[in-house]
Structure formats: structure tokens, C-alpha cells
């Protein structure tokens, strides 16, 4: 899976914002905290849920359960706005 073409991110202070251009079906702003931004950045290249969890564990002091919950939550929100190519 990966982020669909037409979704672009920008770092704004401690937050990341993502917008979709015309044709994506999403008209709004998706704001991410540091962890969600890390997950979105992982999705800029083809990856899997397990690979994202491993990347979080390598980067942050988190348990695998916490990391997996965070990944699933962010993936769920991205699916809601049709931002994932699966």
C-alpha cells in the first residue's frame, strides 16, 4: 500500500498537513501529529502495515501493541478519505 498520487504533505511547525489536489475526491486538510506524520511519510513508498510498525519501533520508544494501534488508526483515517492505494 502507499499514499495515492495527488496527496501532498507539508511540514508546518510540529504538525504535518496533507491536502489532495483535484481528482482525488478529497477537499480538505488532513492534519497529523508527529507519529501520524511519520506513518504518512512511510506511505510515500510502497509498504505494508507490518513494515510501518517495525519502522515505528525503530524510531520511537513504543510497544508493538501501541505502534500497531497507532498505525491502524491512521490507516483507517486515510482510508476514510480515500488516500491509500492498496
Protein backbone atom coordinates (compact mmCIF):
# COMPACT_ATOMS: atom_id res chain seq x y z
CA UNK A 1 0.00 0.00 0.00
CA UNK A 2 1.04 3.59 -0.45
CA UNK A 3 -0.27 7.13 -0.47
CA UNK A 4 -2.26 7.85 -3.64
CA UNK A 5 -0.91 10.28 -6.20
CA UNK A 6 -2.38 13.71 -5.75
CA UNK A 7 -1.97 13.79 -1.96
CA UNK A 8 0.77 16.13 -0.85
CA UNK A 9 2.24 16.81 2.58
CA UNK A 10 3.85 19.85 4.12
CA UNK A 11 5.53 20.20 7.49
CA UNK A 12 4.04 23.13 9.44
CA UNK A 13 5.83 23.51 12.75
CA UNK A 14 5.25 20.39 14.85
CA UNK A 15 2.41 19.20 12.63
CA UNK A 16 2.15 17.89 9.12
CA UNK A 17 -0.70 18.85 6.82
CA UNK A 18 -1.84 16.86 3.82
CA UNK A 19 -4.05 18.08 1.02
CA UNK A 20 -5.49 16.39 -2.02
CA UNK A 21 -5.45 18.07 -5.41
CA UNK A 22 -8.30 17.97 -7.92
CA UNK A 23 -9.32 14.48 -8.88
CA UNK A 24 -8.56 12.86 -5.53
CA UNK A 25 -12.09 13.26 -4.23
CA UNK A 26 -10.79 14.84 -1.02
CA UNK A 27 -11.26 18.52 -0.40
CA UNK A 28 -9.88 19.44 2.95
CA UNK A 29 -6.82 19.32 5.14
CA UNK A 30 -5.61 16.22 6.98
CA UNK A 31 -3.52 17.27 9.99
CA UNK A 32 -1.08 14.85 11.56
CA UNK A 33 0.76 14.85 14.85
CA UNK A 34 4.37 13.61 14.88
CA UNK A 35 3.51 9.91 14.95
CA UNK A 36 0.81 10.16 12.28
CA UNK A 37 3.17 12.23 10.12
CA UNK A 38 5.81 9.50 10.46
CA UNK A 39 3.25 6.93 9.30
CA UNK A 40 2.16 9.10 6.36
CA UNK A 41 5.80 9.57 5.38
CA UNK A 42 6.28 5.78 5.37
CA UNK A 43 3.38 5.58 2.92
CA UNK A 44 5.15 7.73 0.35
CA UNK A 45 6.74 4.47 -0.80
CA UNK A 46 5.15 1.05 -1.20
CA UNK A 47 4.98 -0.59 2.25
CA UNK A 48 2.93 -2.85 4.49
CA UNK A 49 1.33 -2.40 7.88
CA UNK A 50 3.97 -4.67 9.43
CA UNK A 51 6.81 -2.67 7.88
CA UNK A 52 5.37 0.58 9.24
CA UNK A 53 5.06 -0.95 12.71
CA UNK A 54 8.72 -2.06 12.54
CA UNK A 55 9.77 1.44 11.46
CA UNK A 56 7.90 2.99 14.40
CA UNK A 57 9.53 0.57 16.83
CA UNK A 58 12.96 1.50 15.44
CA UNK A 59 12.25 5.25 15.70
CA UNK A 60 10.18 5.61 18.90
CA UNK A 61 10.04 4.16 22.38
CA UNK A 62 6.75 2.29 22.00
CA UNK A 63 5.43 -1.20 22.47
CA UNK A 64 4.41 -3.23 19.46
CA UNK A 65 0.76 -3.06 20.59
CA UNK A 66 0.88 0.74 20.81
CA UNK A 67 2.58 1.03 17.45
CA UNK A 68 0.10 -1.31 15.76
CA UNK A 69 -2.89 0.59 17.25
CA UNK A 70 -1.48 3.90 16.01
CA UNK A 71 -0.79 2.51 12.54
CA UNK A 72 -4.27 1.01 12.25
CA UNK A 73 -5.90 4.24 13.44
CA UNK A 74 -4.02 6.38 10.90
CA UNK A 75 -4.57 3.88 8.09
CA UNK A 76 -8.28 3.86 8.93
CA UNK A 77 -8.47 7.65 8.68
CA UNK A 78 -6.56 7.64 5.41
CA UNK A 79 -8.94 5.02 4.04
CA UNK A 80 -11.89 7.23 5.02
CA UNK A 81 -10.60 9.98 2.75
CA UNK A 82 -9.54 7.53 0.02
CA UNK A 83 -5.87 8.49 0.33
CA UNK A 84 -4.48 4.95 0.14
CA UNK A 85 -3.61 2.91 -2.89
CA UNK A 86 -3.95 -0.73 -1.81
